[in-house]
């Protein structure tokens, strides 16, 4: 035997009916705190600092990555040439 009950209510009404706490004030205060922290963090970051975070080592890091790429590319070419 199956039966189904459909109840139309808002989330707030359902929360109150089930006796769950209203978390809107807590959520609002947490979002305000998060927004303040994000604003402080963004104000502290200038473009140079962002680039340092994204590309550790600066130009040297890019050069190392390029050398690694070319060494792998060369090794693959040598292996393919040896197979033929």
N, C-alpha and C. Protein backbone atom coordinates (compact mmCIF):
# COMPACT_ATOMS: atom_id res chain seq x y z
N UNK A 1 0.85 -1.16 0.00
CA UNK A 1 0.00 0.00 0.00
C UNK A 1 0.90 1.24 0.00
N UNK A 2 0.65 2.12 -0.91
CA UNK A 2 1.37 3.38 -1.00
C UNK A 2 0.38 4.52 -0.87
N UNK A 3 0.83 5.57 -0.22
CA UNK A 3 0.03 6.78 -0.21
C UNK A 3 0.97 7.96 -0.25
N UNK A 4 0.44 9.06 -0.70
CA UNK A 4 1.27 10.24 -0.93
C UNK A 4 0.53 11.46 -0.40
N UNK A 5 1.28 12.33 0.27
CA UNK A 5 0.71 13.57 0.79
C UNK A 5 1.52 14.72 0.22
N UNK A 6 0.87 15.64 -0.43
CA UNK A 6 1.51 16.84 -0.95
C UNK A 6 1.15 18.01 -0.05
N UNK A 7 2.17 18.73 0.38
CA UNK A 7 1.97 19.90 1.23
C UNK A 7 2.59 21.10 0.53
N UNK A 8 1.81 22.14 0.37
CA UNK A 8 2.32 23.37 -0.21
C UNK A 8 2.62 24.35 0.91
N UNK A 9 3.89 24.71 1.02
CA UNK A 9 4.28 25.70 2.02
C UNK A 9 5.64 26.27 1.63
N UNK A 10 5.96 27.38 2.21
CA UNK A 10 7.26 28.00 1.95
C UNK A 10 8.31 27.29 2.81
N UNK A 11 9.59 27.46 2.48
CA UNK A 11 10.63 26.86 3.33
C UNK A 11 10.56 27.37 4.78
N UNK A 12 10.22 28.63 4.96
CA UNK A 12 10.11 29.18 6.32
C UNK A 12 8.97 28.50 7.09
N UNK A 13 7.84 28.28 6.41
CA UNK A 13 6.72 27.60 7.06
C UNK A 13 7.08 26.16 7.41
N UNK A 14 7.77 25.48 6.53
CA UNK A 14 8.18 24.09 6.79
C UNK A 14 9.14 24.03 7.97
N UNK A 15 10.10 24.98 8.01
CA UNK A 15 11.05 25.01 9.12
C UNK A 15 10.33 25.22 10.45
N UNK A 16 9.39 26.15 10.47
CA UNK A 16 8.65 26.43 11.70
C UNK A 16 7.80 25.22 12.10
N UNK A 17 7.15 24.58 11.13
CA UNK A 17 6.31 23.43 11.42
C UNK A 17 7.12 22.28 12.00
N UNK A 18 8.34 22.08 11.47
CA UNK A 18 9.18 20.98 11.95
C UNK A 18 9.99 21.35 13.20
N UNK A 19 9.91 22.61 13.61
CA UNK A 19 10.61 23.04 14.81
C UNK A 19 12.09 23.31 14.60
N UNK A 20 12.48 23.54 13.37
CA UNK A 20 13.88 23.82 13.08
C UNK A 20 14.18 25.29 13.34
N UNK A 21 15.41 25.62 13.72
CA UNK A 21 15.73 27.02 14.03
C UNK A 21 15.81 27.89 12.78
N UNK A 22 15.55 29.16 12.97
CA UNK A 22 15.67 30.14 11.89
C UNK A 22 17.13 30.56 11.83
N UNK A 23 17.81 30.24 10.73
CA UNK A 23 19.24 30.51 10.61
C UNK A 23 19.53 31.77 9.79
N UNK A 24 18.50 32.50 9.40
CA UNK A 24 18.74 33.70 8.59
C UNK A 24 19.63 34.72 9.28
N UNK A 25 19.44 35.04 10.57
CA UNK A 25 20.33 36.01 11.21
C UNK A 25 21.79 35.54 11.24
N UNK A 26 22.00 34.28 11.53
CA UNK A 26 23.35 33.72 11.55
C UNK A 26 23.96 33.77 10.16
N UNK A 27 23.18 33.37 9.16
CA UNK A 27 23.67 33.38 7.79
C UNK A 27 24.01 34.80 7.34
N UNK A 28 23.20 35.78 7.70
CA UNK A 28 23.46 37.17 7.32
C UNK A 28 24.75 37.68 7.96
N UNK A 29 24.96 37.36 9.22
CA UNK A 29 26.18 37.83 9.89
C UNK A 29 27.42 37.14 9.33
N UNK A 30 27.31 35.86 9.01
CA UNK A 30 28.45 35.14 8.44
C UNK A 30 28.78 35.68 7.05
N UNK A 31 27.79 35.98 6.25
CA UNK A 31 28.03 36.53 4.92
C UNK A 31 28.66 37.91 5.01
N UNK A 32 28.24 38.71 5.99
CA UNK A 32 28.83 40.03 6.17
C UNK A 32 30.31 39.90 6.54
N UNK A 33 30.62 39.00 7.45
CA UNK A 33 32.01 38.75 7.86
C UNK A 33 32.84 38.26 6.68
N UNK A 34 32.29 37.35 5.89
CA UNK A 34 32.99 36.83 4.73
C UNK A 34 33.26 37.94 3.72
N UNK A 35 32.28 38.80 3.50
CA UNK A 35 32.45 39.91 2.56
C UNK A 35 33.55 40.86 3.03
N UNK A 36 33.57 41.16 4.32
CA UNK A 36 34.62 42.05 4.86
C UNK A 36 36.00 41.43 4.69
N UNK A 37 36.13 40.15 4.97
CA UNK A 37 37.43 39.48 4.82
C UNK A 37 37.88 39.47 3.36
N UNK A 38 36.94 39.23 2.45
CA UNK A 38 37.28 39.21 1.04
C UNK A 38 37.72 40.59 0.56
N UNK A 39 37.04 41.63 1.03
CA UNK A 39 37.42 43.00 0.65
C UNK A 39 38.83 43.33 1.14
N UNK A 40 39.15 42.93 2.38
CA UNK A 40 40.49 43.18 2.92
C UNK A 40 41.54 42.42 2.12
N UNK A 41 41.25 41.18 1.78
CA UNK A 41 42.21 40.37 1.02
C UNK A 41 42.42 40.94 -0.37
N UNK A 42 41.36 41.39 -1.00
CA UNK A 42 41.48 41.95 -2.35
C UNK A 42 42.23 43.27 -2.33
N UNK A 43 42.02 44.07 -1.29
CA UNK A 43 42.71 45.35 -1.20
C UNK A 43 44.22 45.14 -0.99
N UNK A 44 44.58 44.05 -0.35
CA UNK A 44 45.99 43.79 -0.07
C UNK A 44 46.74 43.25 -1.28
N UNK A 45 46.03 42.83 -2.29
CA UNK A 45 46.68 42.22 -3.44
C UNK A 45 46.79 43.21 -4.59
N UNK A 46 48.00 43.54 -4.96
CA UNK A 46 48.20 44.35 -6.15
C UNK A 46 48.60 43.41 -7.29
N UNK A 47 48.59 43.89 -8.53
CA UNK A 47 48.87 42.99 -9.66
C UNK A 47 50.21 42.27 -9.56
N UNK A 48 51.23 42.92 -9.03
CA UNK A 48 52.53 42.28 -8.92
C UNK A 48 52.47 41.08 -7.97
N UNK A 49 51.78 41.25 -6.84
CA UNK A 49 51.66 40.13 -5.89
C UNK A 49 50.85 38.99 -6.49
N UNK A 50 49.82 39.32 -7.25
CA UNK A 50 49.02 38.28 -7.88
C UNK A 50 49.87 37.47 -8.85
N UNK A 51 50.68 38.14 -9.65
CA UNK A 51 51.55 37.43 -10.59
C UNK A 51 52.58 36.57 -9.86
N UNK A 52 53.06 37.04 -8.71
CA UNK A 52 54.00 36.23 -7.94
C UNK A 52 53.34 34.96 -7.43
N UNK A 53 52.05 35.05 -7.07
CA UNK A 53 51.34 33.87 -6.61
C UNK A 53 51.07 32.91 -7.77
N UNK A 54 50.70 33.46 -8.91
CA UNK A 54 50.35 32.61 -10.05
C UNK A 54 51.57 32.02 -10.72
N UNK A 55 52.66 32.74 -10.72
CA UNK A 55 53.87 32.26 -11.40
C UNK A 55 55.04 32.30 -10.44
N UNK A 56 55.12 31.35 -9.51
CA UNK A 56 56.25 31.36 -8.58
C UNK A 56 57.56 31.25 -9.33
N UNK A 57 58.52 32.02 -8.93
CA UNK A 57 59.81 32.01 -9.59
C UNK A 57 59.90 32.99 -10.73
N UNK A 58 58.79 33.62 -11.07
CA UNK A 58 58.79 34.63 -12.13
C UNK A 58 59.26 34.07 -13.46
N UNK A 59 60.14 34.79 -14.11
CA UNK A 59 60.64 34.41 -15.44
C UNK A 59 61.40 33.09 -15.37
N UNK A 60 62.12 32.87 -14.28
CA UNK A 60 62.88 31.63 -14.16
C UNK A 60 61.95 30.42 -14.22
N UNK A 61 60.79 30.53 -13.59
CA UNK A 61 59.83 29.43 -13.61
C UNK A 61 59.36 29.13 -15.02
N UNK A 62 59.09 30.18 -15.80
CA UNK A 62 58.66 29.98 -17.18
C UNK A 62 59.79 29.36 -18.00
N UNK A 63 61.02 29.80 -17.76
CA UNK A 63 62.16 29.24 -18.50
C UNK A 63 62.33 27.76 -18.17
N UNK A 64 62.19 27.40 -16.91
CA UNK A 64 62.30 26.00 -16.52
C UNK A 64 61.22 25.16 -17.18
N UNK A 65 60.00 25.70 -17.22
CA UNK A 65 58.90 24.98 -17.84
C UNK A 65 59.19 24.79 -19.34
N UNK A 66 59.73 25.83 -20.00
CA UNK A 66 60.05 25.74 -21.41
C UNK A 66 61.15 24.69 -21.66
N UNK A 67 62.18 24.69 -20.82
CA UNK A 67 63.25 23.70 -20.95
C UNK A 67 62.71 22.28 -20.78
N UNK A 68 61.84 22.09 -19.81
CA UNK A 68 61.23 20.78 -19.59
C UNK A 68 60.42 20.36 -20.80
N UNK A 69 59.65 21.27 -21.34
CA UNK A 69 58.85 20.97 -22.52
C UNK A 69 59.73 20.54 -23.68
N UNK A 70 60.78 21.32 -23.97
CA UNK A 70 61.64 21.00 -25.09
C UNK A 70 62.41 19.71 -24.87
N UNK A 71 62.82 19.42 -23.63
CA UNK A 71 63.52 18.16 -23.38
C UNK A 71 62.59 16.97 -23.61
N UNK A 72 61.33 17.08 -23.18
CA UNK A 72 60.37 16.00 -23.40
C UNK A 72 60.05 15.85 -24.89
N UNK A 73 59.92 16.97 -25.56
CA UNK A 73 59.64 16.97 -27.00
C UNK A 73 60.79 16.30 -27.75
N UNK A 74 62.04 16.65 -27.38
CA UNK A 74 63.21 16.05 -28.01
C UNK A 74 63.30 14.56 -27.75
N UNK A 75 63.00 14.14 -26.53
CA UNK A 75 63.05 12.72 -26.19
C UNK A 75 62.02 11.94 -27.00
N UNK A 76 60.86 12.50 -27.18
CA UNK A 76 59.82 11.83 -27.97
C UNK A 76 60.24 11.71 -29.42
N UNK A 77 60.85 12.77 -29.96
CA UNK A 77 61.32 12.70 -31.35
C UNK A 77 62.40 11.64 -31.52
N UNK A 78 63.33 11.55 -30.56
CA UNK A 78 64.38 10.54 -30.64
C UNK A 78 63.80 9.13 -30.58
N UNK A 79 62.82 8.92 -29.70
CA UNK A 79 62.20 7.58 -29.60
C UNK A 79 61.50 7.22 -30.89
N UNK A 80 60.83 8.17 -31.49
CA UNK A 80 60.12 7.88 -32.74
C UNK A 80 61.10 7.60 -33.87
N UNK A 81 62.23 8.33 -33.87
CA UNK A 81 63.24 8.10 -34.91
C UNK A 81 63.90 6.73 -34.75
N UNK A 82 64.10 6.28 -33.52
CA UNK A 82 64.72 4.98 -33.27
C UNK A 82 63.80 3.84 -33.68
N UNK A 83 62.50 4.03 -33.58
CA UNK A 83 61.54 2.97 -33.94
C UNK A 83 61.49 2.74 -35.44
N UNK A 84 61.79 3.75 -36.22
CA UNK A 84 61.70 3.63 -37.68
C UNK A 84 62.90 3.01 -38.24
